[in-house]
Amino acid sequence: MLTQIGKDDPLRDNILLAQTKFVADEQLRAEKLAQLHKEFQKTDGGMQALYELARLKIGLYHESNKEQKDRYLRETRATLTSFISLYPDSVFTEQVKKILDDLPTVE
């Protein structure tokens, strides 16, 4: 489908986001989500990429060992805070605020 649409097609970011969600390797998916957000920051697909990145980091935080937990917690909180700052009027913002409030604070 990507080969059939142009670089400026308004659906491009959404198609790339859908493809990225299928990447099995979590680290690679995180990198691709961050890149997608960077490239399409002002589109709904770019916004959703940041949201998905935050959700992925929450999972990594919960699954990580004690040594990595603090790092993932910091990254998760930073990503969620960034989301709220960049997209205060998003349909996801209230949910992001609740997730952020439910996370432990960083020591």
Protein backbone atom coordinates (compact mmCIF):
# COMPACT_ATOMS: atom_id res chain seq x y z
CA MET A 1 0.00 0.00 0.00
CA LEU A 2 2.85 2.38 0.79
CA THR A 3 4.21 1.97 -2.70
CA GLN A 4 0.89 3.14 -4.12
CA ILE A 5 0.69 6.41 -2.22
CA GLY A 6 2.86 9.49 -2.53
CA LYS A 7 5.20 10.93 0.07
CA ASP A 8 2.75 13.72 0.80
CA ASP A 9 -0.32 11.52 1.10
CA PRO A 10 -2.14 12.29 4.38
CA LEU A 11 -2.55 8.57 5.08
CA ARG A 12 1.17 7.82 4.94
CA ASP A 13 1.79 8.39 8.66
CA ASN A 14 -1.12 6.12 9.60
CA ILE A 15 0.06 3.32 7.33
CA LEU A 16 3.60 3.55 8.70
CA LEU A 17 2.23 3.50 12.24
CA ALA A 18 0.16 0.39 11.50
CA GLN A 19 3.22 -1.34 10.06
CA THR A 20 5.35 -0.35 13.04
CA LYS A 21 2.89 -1.87 15.51
CA PHE A 22 3.62 -5.29 13.97
CA VAL A 23 7.38 -5.15 14.67
CA ALA A 24 7.96 -8.00 17.12
CA ASP A 25 11.25 -6.80 18.62
CA GLU A 26 10.32 -4.26 21.31
CA GLN A 27 13.56 -2.28 21.08
CA LEU A 28 13.28 -1.99 17.31
CA ARG A 29 9.60 -1.06 17.59
CA ALA A 30 10.49 1.63 20.13
CA GLU A 31 13.11 3.07 17.77
CA LYS A 32 10.68 3.03 14.85
CA LEU A 33 7.93 4.67 16.91
CA ALA A 34 10.31 7.42 18.06
CA GLN A 35 11.43 8.02 14.48
CA LEU A 36 7.85 8.04 13.22
CA HIS A 37 6.90 10.58 15.86
CA LYS A 38 9.89 12.74 14.97
CA GLU A 39 9.10 12.65 11.26
CA PHE A 40 5.34 13.14 11.57
CA GLN A 41 5.05 15.10 14.83
CA LYS A 42 2.30 17.37 13.52
CA THR A 43 0.03 14.57 12.26
CA ASP A 44 -2.35 12.24 14.03
CA GLY A 45 -0.12 9.27 13.14
CA GLY A 46 2.88 11.01 14.69
CA MET A 47 0.91 11.79 17.82
CA GLN A 48 -0.29 8.20 18.07
CA ALA A 49 3.28 6.98 17.57
CA LEU A 50 4.33 8.86 20.71
CA TYR A 51 1.34 7.43 22.59
CA GLU A 52 2.24 3.91 21.45
CA LEU A 53 5.86 4.52 22.44
CA ALA A 54 4.73 5.49 25.93
CA ARG A 55 2.59 2.35 26.19
CA LEU A 56 5.51 0.23 25.02
CA LYS A 57 7.79 1.80 27.62
CA ILE A 58 5.21 1.11 30.34
CA GLY A 59 5.33 -2.55 29.35
CA LEU A 60 9.12 -2.55 29.38
CA TYR A 61 9.06 -0.93 32.83
CA HIS A 62 6.74 -3.61 34.21
CA GLU A 63 8.73 -6.45 32.63
CA SER A 64 12.20 -5.20 33.48
CA ASN A 65 14.50 -6.38 36.20
CA LYS A 66 15.24 -4.24 39.22
CA GLU A 67 18.36 -2.69 37.65
CA GLN A 68 16.48 -1.51 34.55
CA LYS A 69 13.23 -0.46 36.26
CA ASP A 70 14.43 3.04 37.20
CA ARG A 71 15.65 3.74 33.67
CA TYR A 72 12.40 2.60 32.08
CA LEU A 73 10.37 4.51 34.66
CA ARG A 74 12.26 7.72 33.86
CA GLU A 75 11.84 7.16 30.12
CA THR A 76 8.14 6.37 30.53
CA ARG A 77 7.47 9.45 32.63
CA ALA A 78 9.43 11.65 30.21
CA THR A 79 7.53 10.29 27.21
CA LEU A 80 4.14 10.76 28.89
CA THR A 81 5.03 14.28 30.03
CA SER A 82 6.19 15.11 26.53
CA PHE A 83 2.91 13.81 25.12
CA ILE A 84 0.87 16.06 27.41
CA SER A 85 3.03 19.05 26.54
CA LEU A 86 2.90 18.48 22.79
CA TYR A 87 -0.73 17.36 22.52
CA PRO A 88 -2.77 19.00 25.31
CA ASP A 89 -6.00 18.72 23.33
CA SER A 90 -5.59 15.12 22.17
CA VAL A 91 -8.27 12.51 22.80
CA PHE A 92 -5.53 10.55 24.60
CA THR A 93 -4.39 13.34 26.95
CA GLU A 94 -6.70 12.52 29.86
CA GLN A 95 -5.75 8.86 29.67
CA VAL A 96 -2.06 9.79 29.53
CA LYS A 97 -2.47 12.01 32.61
CA LYS A 98 -4.10 9.14 34.50
CA ILE A 99 -1.35 6.72 33.49
CA LEU A 100 1.27 9.26 34.59
CA ASP A 101 -0.49 9.80 37.92
CA ASP A 102 -0.63 6.03 38.53
CA LEU A 103 3.10 5.52 37.93
CA PRO A 104 5.48 5.67 40.86
CA THR A 105 7.66 8.75 41.13
CA VAL A 106 11.31 8.60 40.17
CA GLU A 107 13.66 8.62 43.14
